Amino acid sequence: MDERALILSRIAALVAVDAPAVSYLAHVNPAVKAEFTAGEGEARYGPEGGAR
């Protein structure tokens, strides 16, 4: 699994379990390194996190 797919799956898991906001902090640095943007996440999961 490449770096972008890994961070996407981790963030998706956090969204799926309605994790608290602090849980996302551990994924900020890996997301930046993978050049993952908030826009990509929002495009995939929407502004409220629900899958499209």
PDB file of N, CA and C in Angstrom:
ATOM      1  N   MET A   1       0.857  -1.164   0.000  1.00  0.00           N
ATOM      2  CA  MET A   1       0.000   0.000   0.000  1.00  0.00           C
ATOM      3  C   MET A   1       0.907   1.232   0.000  1.00  0.00           C
ATOM      4  N   ASP A   2       0.647   2.153  -0.899  1.00  0.00           N
ATOM      5  CA  ASP A   2       1.473   3.357  -0.935  1.00  0.00           C
ATOM      6  C   ASP A   2       1.097   4.298   0.211  1.00  0.00           C
ATOM      7  N   GLU A   3       1.931   5.302   0.400  1.00  0.00           N
ATOM      8  CA  GLU A   3       1.776   6.223   1.527  1.00  0.00           C
ATOM      9  C   GLU A   3       0.440   6.968   1.509  1.00  0.00           C
ATOM     10  N   ARG A   4       0.012   7.405   0.344  1.00  0.00           N
ATOM     11  CA  ARG A   4      -1.255   8.147   0.239  1.00  0.00           C
ATOM     12  C   ARG A   4      -2.451   7.254   0.573  1.00  0.00           C
ATOM     13  N   ALA A   5      -2.431   6.025   0.077  1.00  0.00           N
ATOM     14  CA  ALA A   5      -3.525   5.100   0.369  1.00  0.00           C
ATOM     15  C   ALA A   5      -3.567   4.762   1.851  1.00  0.00           C
ATOM     16  N   LEU A   6      -2.405   4.628   2.464  1.00  0.00           N
ATOM     17  CA  LEU A   6      -2.340   4.314   3.890  1.00  0.00           C
ATOM     18  C   LEU A   6      -2.936   5.436   4.722  1.00  0.00           C
ATOM     19  N   ILE A   7      -2.544   6.670   4.461  1.00  0.00           N
ATOM     20  CA  ILE A   7      -3.076   7.786   5.258  1.00  0.00           C
ATOM     21  C   ILE A   7      -4.565   7.954   4.999  1.00  0.00           C
ATOM     22  N   LEU A   8      -4.995   7.743   3.770  1.00  0.00           N
ATOM     23  CA  LEU A   8      -6.414   7.839   3.453  1.00  0.00           C
ATOM     24  C   LEU A   8      -7.208   6.777   4.219  1.00  0.00           C
ATOM     25  N   SER A   9      -6.683   5.568   4.282  1.00  0.00           N
ATOM     26  CA  SER A   9      -7.392   4.513   5.005  1.00  0.00           C
ATOM     27  C   SER A   9      -7.412   4.790   6.506  1.00  0.00           C
ATOM     28  N   ARG A  10      -6.343   5.352   7.035  1.00  0.00           N
ATOM     29  CA  ARG A  10      -6.319   5.695   8.466  1.00  0.00           C
ATOM     30  C   ARG A  10      -7.334   6.784   8.788  1.00  0.00           C
ATOM     31  N   ILE A  11      -7.381   7.809   7.956  1.00  0.00           N
ATOM     32  CA  ILE A  11      -8.334   8.894   8.185  1.00  0.00           C
ATOM     33  C   ILE A  11      -9.756   8.385   8.000  1.00  0.00           C
ATOM     34  N   ALA A  12      -9.963   7.527   7.015  1.00  0.00           N
ATOM     35  CA  ALA A  12     -11.288   6.950   6.798  1.00  0.00           C
ATOM     36  C   ALA A  12     -11.736   6.149   8.021  1.00  0.00           C
ATOM     37  N   ALA A  13     -10.809   5.429   8.626  1.00  0.00           N
ATOM     38  CA  ALA A  13     -11.146   4.667   9.834  1.00  0.00           C
ATOM     39  C   ALA A  13     -11.536   5.597  10.973  1.00  0.00           C
ATOM     40  N   LEU A  14     -10.839   6.706  11.116  1.00  0.00           N
ATOM     41  CA  LEU A  14     -11.191   7.672  12.162  1.00  0.00           C
ATOM     42  C   LEU A  14     -12.581   8.247  11.919  1.00  0.00           C
ATOM     43  N   VAL A  15     -12.879   8.553  10.671  1.00  0.00           N
ATOM     44  CA  VAL A  15     -14.203   9.072  10.319  1.00  0.00           C
ATOM     45  C   VAL A  15     -15.273   8.023  10.610  1.00  0.00           C
ATOM     46  N   ALA A  16     -14.991   6.787  10.244  1.00  0.00           N
ATOM     47  CA  ALA A  16     -15.968   5.710  10.394  1.00  0.00           C
ATOM     48  C   ALA A  16     -16.356   5.465  11.843  1.00  0.00           C
ATOM     49  N   VAL A  17     -15.405   5.624  12.759  1.00  0.00           N
ATOM     50  CA  VAL A  17     -15.711   5.375  14.170  1.00  0.00           C
ATOM     51  C   VAL A  17     -16.048   6.656  14.921  1.00  0.00           C
ATOM     52  N   ASP A  18     -16.192   7.758  14.188  1.00  0.00           N
ATOM     53  CA  ASP A  18     -16.516   9.063  14.777  1.00  0.00           C
ATOM     54  C   ASP A  18     -15.521   9.406  15.888  1.00  0.00           C
ATOM     55  N   ALA A  19     -14.246   9.267  15.553  1.00  0.00           N
ATOM     56  CA  ALA A  19     -13.176   9.509  16.516  1.00  0.00           C
ATOM     57  C   ALA A  19     -13.148  10.975  16.941  1.00  0.00           C
ATOM     58  N   PRO A  20     -12.712  11.236  18.167  1.00  0.00           N
ATOM     59  CA  PRO A  20     -12.590  12.622  18.614  1.00  0.00           C
ATOM     60  C   PRO A  20     -11.514  13.360  17.805  1.00  0.00           C
ATOM     61  N   ALA A  21     -11.656  14.652  17.730  1.00  0.00           N
ATOM     62  CA  ALA A  21     -10.758  15.471  16.914  1.00  0.00           C
ATOM     63  C   ALA A  21      -9.294  15.267  17.273  1.00  0.00           C
ATOM     64  N   VAL A  22      -8.994  15.073  18.535  1.00  0.00           N
ATOM     65  CA  VAL A  22      -7.608  14.900  18.958  1.00  0.00           C
ATOM     66  C   VAL A  22      -6.980  13.664  18.306  1.00  0.00           C
ATOM     67  N   SER A  23      -7.759  12.680  17.951  1.00  0.00           N
ATOM     68  CA  SER A  23      -7.242  11.472  17.307  1.00  0.00           C
ATOM     69  C   SER A  23      -6.640  11.761  15.935  1.00  0.00           C
ATOM     70  N   TYR A  24      -7.107  12.795  15.296  1.00  0.00           N
ATOM     71  CA  TYR A  24      -6.619  13.140  13.963  1.00  0.00           C
ATOM     72  C   TYR A  24      -5.217  13.749  14.007  1.00  0.00           C
ATOM     73  N   LEU A  25      -4.834  14.301  15.161  1.00  0.00           N
ATOM     74  CA  LEU A  25      -3.546  14.988  15.260  1.00  0.00           C
ATOM     75  C   LEU A  25      -2.365  14.083  14.944  1.00  0.00           C
ATOM     76  N   ALA A  26      -2.464  12.819  15.285  1.00  0.00           N
ATOM     77  CA  ALA A  26      -1.371  11.889  15.011  1.00  0.00           C
ATOM     78  C   ALA A  26      -1.191  11.646  13.522  1.00  0.00           C
ATOM     79  N   HIS A  27      -2.162  12.041  12.720  1.00  0.00           N
ATOM     80  CA  HIS A  27      -2.116  11.772  11.287  1.00  0.00           C
ATOM     81  C   HIS A  27      -1.795  13.007  10.447  1.00  0.00           C
ATOM     82  N   VAL A  28      -1.615  14.146  11.098  1.00  0.00           N
ATOM     83  CA  VAL A  28      -1.341  15.382  10.358  1.00  0.00           C
ATOM     84  C   VAL A  28       0.008  15.310   9.648  1.00  0.00           C
ATOM     85  N   ASN A  29       1.066  14.981  10.372  1.00  0.00           N
ATOM     86  CA  ASN A  29       2.399  14.944   9.766  1.00  0.00           C
ATOM     87  C   ASN A  29       2.484  13.909   8.641  1.00  0.00           C
ATOM     88  N   PRO A  30       2.019  12.665   8.838  1.00  0.00           N
ATOM     89  CA  PRO A  30       2.056  11.711   7.720  1.00  0.00           C
ATOM     90  C   PRO A  30       1.230  12.180   6.517  1.00  0.00           C
ATOM     91  N   ALA A  31       0.117  12.854   6.768  1.00  0.00           N
ATOM     92  CA  ALA A  31      -0.710  13.359   5.667  1.00  0.00           C
ATOM     93  C   ALA A  31       0.026  14.437   4.882  1.00  0.00           C
ATOM     94  N   VAL A  32       0.714  15.317   5.592  1.00  0.00           N
ATOM     95  CA  VAL A  32       1.491  16.372   4.922  1.00  0.00           C
ATOM     96  C   VAL A  32       2.611  15.746   4.097  1.00  0.00           C
ATOM     97  N   LYS A  33       3.295  14.760   4.659  1.00  0.00           N
ATOM     98  CA  LYS A  33       4.378  14.096   3.926  1.00  0.00           C
ATOM     99  C   LYS A  33       3.859  13.387   2.677  1.00  0.00           C
ATOM    100  N   ALA A  34       2.635  12.875   2.745  1.00  0.00           N
ATOM    101  CA  ALA A  34       2.044  12.177   1.597  1.00  0.00           C
ATOM    102  C   ALA A  34       1.366  13.158   0.632  1.00  0.00           C
ATOM    103  N   GLU A  35       1.446  14.448   0.947  1.00  0.00           N
ATOM    104  CA  GLU A  35       0.832  15.508   0.138  1.00  0.00           C
ATOM    105  C   GLU A  35      -0.674  15.318   0.011  1.00  0.00           C
ATOM    106  N   PHE A  36      -1.270  14.802   1.069  1.00  0.00           N
ATOM    107  CA  PHE A  36      -2.728  14.649   1.139  1.00  0.00           C
ATOM    108  C   PHE A  36      -3.306  15.970   1.600  1.00  0.00           C
ATOM    109  N   THR A  37      -4.331  16.462   0.925  1.00  0.00           N
ATOM    110  CA  THR A  37      -4.912  17.748   1.289  1.00  0.00           C
ATOM    111  C   THR A  37      -6.305  17.574   1.878  1.00  0.00           C
ATOM    112  N   ALA A  38      -6.723  18.572   2.642  1.00  0.00           N
ATOM    113  CA  ALA A  38      -8.069  18.555   3.210  1.00  0.00           C
ATOM    114  C   ALA A  38      -9.106  18.526   2.094  1.00  0.00           C
ATOM    115  N   GLY A  39      -8.806  19.171   0.985  1.00  0.00           N
ATOM    116  CA  GLY A  39      -9.719  19.168  -0.154  1.00  0.00           C
ATOM    117  C   GLY A  39      -9.955  17.768  -0.700  1.00  0.00           C
ATOM    118  N   GLU A  40      -8.922  16.954  -0.719  1.00  0.00           N
ATOM    119  CA  GLU A  40      -9.073  15.570  -1.174  1.00  0.00           C
ATOM    120  C   GLU A  40      -9.964  14.785  -0.224  1.00  0.00           C
ATOM    121  N   GLY A  41      -9.767  14.983   1.062  1.00  0.00           N
ATOM    122  CA  GLY A  41     -10.593  14.300   2.051  1.00  0.00           C
ATOM    123  C   GLY A  41     -12.036  14.738   1.971  1.00  0.00           C
ATOM    124  N   GLU A  42     -12.243  16.031   1.813  1.00  0.00           N
ATOM    125  CA  GLU A  42     -13.605  16.553   1.715  1.00  0.00           C
ATOM    126  C   GLU A  42     -14.281  16.082   0.437  1.00  0.00           C
ATOM    127  N   ALA A  43     -13.523  16.007  -0.645  1.00  0.00           N
ATOM    128  CA  ALA A  43     -14.093  15.534  -1.904  1.00  0.00           C
ATOM    129  C   ALA A  43     -14.561  14.091  -1.782  1.00  0.00           C
ATOM    130  N   ARG A  44     -13.835  13.295  -1.006  1.00  0.00           N
ATOM    131  CA  ARG A  44     -14.174  11.892  -0.863  1.00  0.00           C
ATOM    132  C   ARG A  44     -15.235  11.661   0.202  1.00  0.00           C
ATOM    133  N   TYR A  45     -15.126  12.379   1.335  1.00  0.00           N
ATOM    134  CA  TYR A  45     -16.003  12.107   2.480  1.00  0.00           C
ATOM    135  C   TYR A  45     -17.005  13.199   2.789  1.00  0.00           C
ATOM    136  N   GLY A  46     -16.908  14.336   2.104  1.00  0.00           N
ATOM    137  CA  GLY A  46     -17.828  15.434   2.357  1.00  0.00           C
ATOM    138  C   GLY A  46     -17.403  16.219   3.593  1.00  0.00           C
ATOM    139  N   PRO A  47     -17.950  17.416   3.747  1.00  0.00           N
ATOM    140  CA  PRO A  47     -17.550  18.273   4.854  1.00  0.00           C
ATOM    141  C   PRO A  47     -17.910  17.724   6.224  1.00  0.00           C
ATOM    142  N   GLU A  48     -18.900  16.847   6.308  1.00  0.00           N
ATOM    143  CA  GLU A  48     -19.279  16.268   7.586  1.00  0.00           C
ATOM    144  C   GLU A  48     -18.715  14.871   7.794  1.00  0.00           C
ATOM    145  N   GLY A  49     -17.963  14.356   6.850  1.00  0.00           N
ATOM    146  CA  GLY A  49     -17.319  13.070   7.018  1.00  0.00           C
ATOM    147  C   GLY A  49     -18.109  11.877   6.517  1.00  0.00           C
ATOM    148  N   GLY A  50     -19.315  12.063   6.047  1.00  0.00           N
ATOM    149  CA  GLY A  50     -20.088  10.925   5.538  1.00  0.00           C
ATOM    150  C   GLY A  50     -19.602  10.486   4.174  1.00  0.00           C
ATOM    151  N   ALA A  51     -19.504   9.201   3.971  1.00  0.00           N
ATOM    152  CA  ALA A  51     -19.029   8.685   2.676  1.00  0.00           C
ATOM    153  C   ALA A  51     -20.026   9.022   1.570  1.00  0.00           C
ATOM    154  N   ARG A  52     -19.486   9.302   0.397  1.00  0.00           N
ATOM    155  CA  ARG A  52     -20.331   9.645  -0.748  1.00  0.00           C
ATOM    156  C   ARG A  52     -20.399   8.491  -1.689  1.00  0.00           C
TER     157      ARG A  52
END
